[in-house]
Amino acid sequence: VREAEHDSRFRRRAAESVKRIAAFKRKSSALRSRVPSSPPEKISRLATQLWEFSERVRYSALSSAAAAGKKS
């Protein structure tokens, strides 16, 4: 506050920053209110599907590595 009282450049810069932050907060709260949250069941189902997919990828990588080892 003291700096803003004595330095007009600093005061302008601070005012611009405050406006930018306020605009971001308004936009952010507006975005949050438009996006419905997913039900816990859906999140759980997606987490399970993601885990299953990662296990398939891991198994495929292990199988490929084993096959490559047999060829050597």
Protein backbone atom coordinates (compact mmCIF):
# COMPACT_ATOMS: atom_id res chain seq x y z
CA VAL A 1 0.00 0.00 0.00
CA ARG A 2 2.81 2.38 0.86
CA GLU A 3 4.51 1.68 -2.44
CA ALA A 4 1.27 2.33 -4.35
CA GLU A 5 0.80 5.61 -2.49
CA HIS A 6 4.22 6.86 -3.61
CA ASP A 7 4.72 5.26 -7.05
CA SER A 8 2.11 5.86 -9.77
CA ARG A 9 3.59 3.18 -12.07
CA PHE A 10 3.36 0.60 -9.31
CA ARG A 11 -0.18 1.75 -8.48
CA ARG A 12 -1.28 1.30 -12.14
CA ARG A 13 0.39 -2.11 -12.34
CA ALA A 14 -1.28 -3.24 -9.12
CA ALA A 15 -4.68 -2.01 -10.34
CA GLU A 16 -4.25 -3.91 -13.62
CA SER A 17 -3.33 -7.05 -11.72
CA VAL A 18 -6.35 -6.74 -9.47
CA LYS A 19 -8.63 -6.38 -12.50
CA ARG A 20 -7.07 -9.43 -14.17
CA ILE A 21 -7.41 -11.53 -11.02
CA ALA A 22 -11.03 -10.46 -10.50
CA ALA A 23 -11.85 -11.33 -14.13
CA PHE A 24 -10.22 -14.74 -13.73
CA LYS A 25 -12.16 -15.43 -10.54
CA ARG A 26 -15.46 -14.48 -12.20
CA LYS A 27 -14.70 -16.66 -15.21
CA SER A 28 -13.51 -19.53 -13.04
CA SER A 29 -16.64 -19.57 -10.87
CA ALA A 30 -18.83 -19.33 -13.98
CA LEU A 31 -17.05 -22.32 -15.52
CA ARG A 32 -17.37 -24.37 -12.33
CA SER A 33 -21.09 -23.73 -12.14
CA ARG A 34 -21.60 -24.90 -15.75
CA VAL A 35 -19.73 -28.19 -15.41
CA PRO A 36 -21.78 -30.83 -13.58
CA SER A 37 -19.76 -33.06 -11.32
CA SER A 38 -19.68 -36.74 -12.18
CA PRO A 39 -21.42 -39.18 -9.86
CA PRO A 40 -19.08 -41.31 -7.73
CA GLU A 41 -20.28 -44.50 -9.48
CA LYS A 42 -19.17 -43.16 -12.84
CA ILE A 43 -15.79 -42.08 -11.48
CA SER A 44 -15.31 -45.52 -9.93
CA ARG A 45 -16.28 -47.27 -13.18
CA LEU A 46 -13.87 -45.09 -15.20
CA ALA A 47 -11.08 -45.71 -12.69
CA THR A 48 -11.63 -49.46 -13.03
CA GLN A 49 -11.62 -49.24 -16.83
CA LEU A 50 -8.42 -47.21 -16.75
CA TRP A 51 -6.75 -49.75 -14.46
CA GLU A 52 -7.86 -52.64 -16.69
CA PHE A 53 -6.51 -50.85 -19.75
CA SER A 54 -3.17 -50.19 -18.06
CA GLU A 55 -2.94 -53.87 -17.12
CA ARG A 56 -3.58 -54.90 -20.74
CA VAL A 57 -0.86 -52.52 -21.91
CA ARG A 58 1.53 -53.85 -19.24
CA TYR A 59 0.78 -57.47 -20.20
CA SER A 60 1.29 -56.67 -23.88
CA ALA A 61 4.64 -55.04 -23.14
CA LEU A 62 5.73 -58.03 -21.04
CA SER A 63 4.62 -60.46 -23.75
CA SER A 64 6.51 -58.50 -26.41
CA ALA A 65 9.62 -58.41 -24.26
CA ALA A 66 9.41 -62.15 -23.61
CA ALA A 67 8.95 -62.87 -27.33
CA ALA A 68 11.91 -60.68 -28.18
CA GLY A 69 14.00 -62.50 -25.59
CA LYS A 70 13.20 -65.88 -27.12
CA LYS A 71 14.30 -64.69 -30.57
CA SER A 72 17.76 -63.67 -29.34
